[in-house]
N, C-alpha and C. Protein backbone atom coordinates (compact mmCIF):
# COMPACT_ATOMS: atom_id res chain seq x y z
N UNK A 1 -58.64 13.48 -16.72
CA UNK A 1 -57.39 14.22 -16.75
C UNK A 1 -56.21 13.31 -16.42
N UNK A 2 -56.42 12.46 -15.42
CA UNK A 2 -55.35 11.55 -15.02
C UNK A 2 -55.09 10.53 -16.11
N UNK A 3 -56.15 10.11 -16.80
CA UNK A 3 -55.98 9.14 -17.87
C UNK A 3 -55.15 9.73 -19.01
N UNK A 4 -55.37 10.99 -19.31
CA UNK A 4 -54.60 11.66 -20.38
C UNK A 4 -53.14 11.79 -19.98
N UNK A 5 -52.88 12.16 -18.73
CA UNK A 5 -51.52 12.26 -18.25
C UNK A 5 -50.83 10.90 -18.28
N UNK A 6 -51.50 9.88 -17.83
CA UNK A 6 -50.93 8.53 -17.85
C UNK A 6 -50.66 8.08 -19.27
N UNK A 7 -51.57 8.34 -20.17
CA UNK A 7 -51.40 7.96 -21.57
C UNK A 7 -50.24 8.71 -22.20
N UNK A 8 -50.10 9.99 -21.93
CA UNK A 8 -49.00 10.78 -22.51
C UNK A 8 -47.65 10.33 -21.96
N UNK A 9 -47.57 10.02 -20.67
CA UNK A 9 -46.31 9.53 -20.11
C UNK A 9 -45.95 8.15 -20.65
N UNK A 10 -46.94 7.32 -20.82
CA UNK A 10 -46.65 5.98 -21.35
C UNK A 10 -46.18 6.06 -22.80
N UNK A 11 -46.71 6.98 -23.58
CA UNK A 11 -46.26 7.16 -24.96
C UNK A 11 -44.84 7.72 -24.97
N UNK A 12 -44.55 8.67 -24.12
CA UNK A 12 -43.20 9.25 -24.07
C UNK A 12 -42.17 8.22 -23.62
N UNK A 13 -42.47 7.42 -22.64
CA UNK A 13 -41.51 6.46 -22.12
C UNK A 13 -41.39 5.23 -23.01
N UNK A 14 -42.38 4.90 -23.76
CA UNK A 14 -42.30 3.74 -24.63
C UNK A 14 -41.39 4.00 -25.83
N UNK A 15 -41.18 5.22 -26.20
CA UNK A 15 -40.29 5.54 -27.34
C UNK A 15 -38.84 5.25 -27.00
N UNK A 16 -38.49 5.26 -25.74
CA UNK A 16 -37.11 5.02 -25.34
C UNK A 16 -36.75 3.53 -25.38
N UNK A 17 -37.72 2.66 -25.34
CA UNK A 17 -37.44 1.25 -25.20
C UNK A 17 -37.51 0.47 -26.51
N UNK A 18 -37.38 1.12 -27.64
CA UNK A 18 -37.51 0.41 -28.91
C UNK A 18 -36.22 -0.27 -29.32
N UNK A 19 -35.06 0.18 -28.86
CA UNK A 19 -33.78 -0.38 -29.28
C UNK A 19 -32.92 -0.69 -28.06
N UNK A 20 -32.35 -1.89 -28.05
CA UNK A 20 -31.48 -2.30 -26.96
C UNK A 20 -30.03 -2.16 -27.43
N UNK A 21 -29.22 -1.48 -26.64
CA UNK A 21 -27.82 -1.26 -26.98
C UNK A 21 -26.96 -1.92 -25.90
N UNK A 22 -26.06 -2.79 -26.35
CA UNK A 22 -25.12 -3.45 -25.43
C UNK A 22 -23.75 -2.83 -25.59
N UNK A 23 -23.15 -2.46 -24.47
CA UNK A 23 -21.80 -1.90 -24.49
C UNK A 23 -20.96 -2.60 -23.44
N UNK A 24 -19.67 -2.73 -23.72
CA UNK A 24 -18.76 -3.29 -22.74
C UNK A 24 -18.51 -2.27 -21.65
N UNK A 25 -18.51 -2.73 -20.42
CA UNK A 25 -18.23 -1.86 -19.27
C UNK A 25 -16.94 -2.35 -18.64
N UNK A 26 -15.97 -1.47 -18.57
CA UNK A 26 -14.67 -1.82 -18.02
C UNK A 26 -14.60 -1.33 -16.57
N UNK A 27 -14.30 -2.25 -15.68
CA UNK A 27 -14.23 -1.95 -14.26
C UNK A 27 -12.78 -2.12 -13.82
N UNK A 28 -12.18 -1.09 -13.24
CA UNK A 28 -10.80 -1.24 -12.77
C UNK A 28 -10.73 -2.21 -11.59
N UNK A 29 -9.76 -3.10 -11.67
CA UNK A 29 -9.59 -4.10 -10.63
C UNK A 29 -8.17 -3.98 -10.09
N UNK A 30 -8.04 -3.99 -8.77
CA UNK A 30 -6.72 -3.89 -8.17
C UNK A 30 -5.99 -5.22 -8.33
N UNK A 31 -4.76 -5.13 -8.79
CA UNK A 31 -3.95 -6.32 -8.98
C UNK A 31 -2.60 -6.06 -8.31
N UNK A 32 -2.25 -6.94 -7.39
CA UNK A 32 -0.99 -6.77 -6.67
C UNK A 32 0.13 -7.45 -7.45
N UNK A 33 0.95 -6.64 -8.08
CA UNK A 33 2.13 -7.17 -8.78
C UNK A 33 3.36 -6.49 -8.19
N UNK A 34 4.44 -7.20 -8.24
CA UNK A 34 5.69 -6.60 -7.79
C UNK A 34 6.44 -6.12 -9.04
N UNK A 35 6.84 -4.89 -9.00
CA UNK A 35 7.58 -4.36 -10.14
C UNK A 35 9.03 -4.82 -10.06
N UNK A 36 9.60 -5.20 -11.19
CA UNK A 36 11.01 -5.62 -11.16
C UNK A 36 11.93 -4.46 -10.83
N UNK A 37 13.09 -4.80 -10.32
CA UNK A 37 14.08 -3.78 -9.96
C UNK A 37 14.67 -3.19 -11.23
N UNK A 38 14.73 -1.87 -11.27
CA UNK A 38 15.29 -1.19 -12.44
C UNK A 38 16.79 -1.46 -12.54
N UNK A 39 17.26 -1.75 -13.76
CA UNK A 39 18.70 -2.00 -13.89
C UNK A 39 19.50 -0.71 -13.77
N UNK A 40 20.66 -0.81 -13.17
CA UNK A 40 21.53 0.36 -13.04
C UNK A 40 22.35 0.52 -14.32
N UNK A 41 22.51 1.76 -14.77
CA UNK A 41 23.30 1.98 -15.99
C UNK A 41 24.78 1.62 -15.77
N UNK A 42 25.37 1.08 -16.83
CA UNK A 42 26.80 0.74 -16.81
C UNK A 42 27.50 1.56 -17.89
N UNK A 43 28.78 1.32 -18.07
CA UNK A 43 29.53 2.04 -19.10
C UNK A 43 29.39 1.39 -20.48
N UNK A 44 28.84 0.18 -20.52
CA UNK A 44 28.70 -0.54 -21.79
C UNK A 44 27.30 -0.29 -22.38
N UNK A 45 27.25 0.25 -23.59
CA UNK A 45 25.99 0.58 -24.24
C UNK A 45 25.17 -0.67 -24.55
N UNK A 46 25.81 -1.72 -25.01
CA UNK A 46 25.10 -2.96 -25.35
C UNK A 46 24.45 -3.56 -24.11
N UNK A 47 25.15 -3.55 -23.01
CA UNK A 47 24.60 -4.08 -21.75
C UNK A 47 23.43 -3.23 -21.28
N UNK A 48 23.53 -1.92 -21.43
CA UNK A 48 22.43 -1.04 -21.03
C UNK A 48 21.17 -1.32 -21.86
N UNK A 49 21.35 -1.50 -23.16
CA UNK A 49 20.20 -1.77 -24.03
C UNK A 49 19.59 -3.13 -23.70
N UNK A 50 20.44 -4.13 -23.48
CA UNK A 50 19.94 -5.46 -23.13
C UNK A 50 19.19 -5.42 -21.81
N UNK A 51 19.73 -4.71 -20.84
CA UNK A 51 19.06 -4.59 -19.54
C UNK A 51 17.72 -3.87 -19.66
N UNK A 52 17.67 -2.83 -20.50
CA UNK A 52 16.42 -2.09 -20.70
C UNK A 52 15.36 -2.97 -21.35
N UNK A 53 15.75 -3.78 -22.35
CA UNK A 53 14.80 -4.69 -22.98
C UNK A 53 14.31 -5.76 -22.02
N UNK A 54 15.21 -6.28 -21.22
CA UNK A 54 14.84 -7.29 -20.24
C UNK A 54 13.87 -6.72 -19.21
N UNK A 55 14.15 -5.51 -18.76
CA UNK A 55 13.28 -4.84 -17.78
C UNK A 55 11.90 -4.59 -18.38
N UNK A 56 11.84 -4.12 -19.63
CA UNK A 56 10.54 -3.84 -20.25
C UNK A 56 9.77 -5.14 -20.46
N UNK A 57 10.45 -6.24 -20.78
CA UNK A 57 9.79 -7.52 -20.95
C UNK A 57 9.22 -8.02 -19.62
N UNK A 58 9.96 -7.84 -18.53
CA UNK A 58 9.46 -8.24 -17.22
C UNK A 58 8.23 -7.42 -16.82
N UNK A 59 8.26 -6.13 -17.10
CA UNK A 59 7.10 -5.28 -16.81
C UNK A 59 5.89 -5.71 -17.62
N UNK A 60 6.11 -5.97 -18.91
CA UNK A 60 5.02 -6.39 -19.78
C UNK A 60 4.41 -7.70 -19.31
N UNK A 61 5.25 -8.66 -18.92
CA UNK A 61 4.76 -9.96 -18.43
C UNK A 61 3.94 -9.78 -17.15
N UNK A 62 4.41 -8.92 -16.26
CA UNK A 62 3.69 -8.69 -15.01
C UNK A 62 2.32 -8.06 -15.28
N UNK A 63 2.26 -7.11 -16.19
CA UNK A 63 0.98 -6.45 -16.48
C UNK A 63 0.05 -7.38 -17.25
N UNK A 64 0.59 -8.21 -18.14
CA UNK A 64 -0.26 -9.17 -18.84
C UNK A 64 -0.83 -10.20 -17.88
N UNK A 65 -0.03 -10.63 -16.93
CA UNK A 65 -0.52 -11.56 -15.91
C UNK A 65 -1.68 -10.93 -15.15
N UNK A 66 -1.53 -9.66 -14.81
CA UNK A 66 -2.58 -8.97 -14.07
C UNK A 66 -3.84 -8.81 -14.91
N UNK A 67 -3.68 -8.50 -16.18
CA UNK A 67 -4.85 -8.28 -17.05
C UNK A 67 -5.56 -9.59 -17.34
N UNK A 68 -4.84 -10.67 -17.53
CA UNK A 68 -5.45 -11.95 -17.89
C UNK A 68 -5.93 -12.74 -16.68
N UNK A 69 -5.47 -12.37 -15.51
CA UNK A 69 -5.84 -13.11 -14.30
C UNK A 69 -7.32 -12.93 -13.99
N UNK A 70 -7.88 -11.77 -14.30
CA UNK A 70 -9.24 -11.46 -13.92
C UNK A 70 -10.25 -11.79 -15.00
N UNK A 71 -9.83 -12.36 -16.12
CA UNK A 71 -10.78 -12.68 -17.20
C UNK A 71 -11.27 -14.08 -17.10
């Protein structure tokens, strides 16, 4: 009886091991970055747009540094 149980379990478990699947596992890592100071709005539209682009570029650079630092 025990031999039949052992044989049936081994057949059931061996069916799971026929294919190996590799997947990327992403692990969150804490990265200490300082966020740039937000620009204050002015009365000039061109200056506001330039400041917004500069701010977004600084944020992007900080996050890219954090993402590439751990690779």
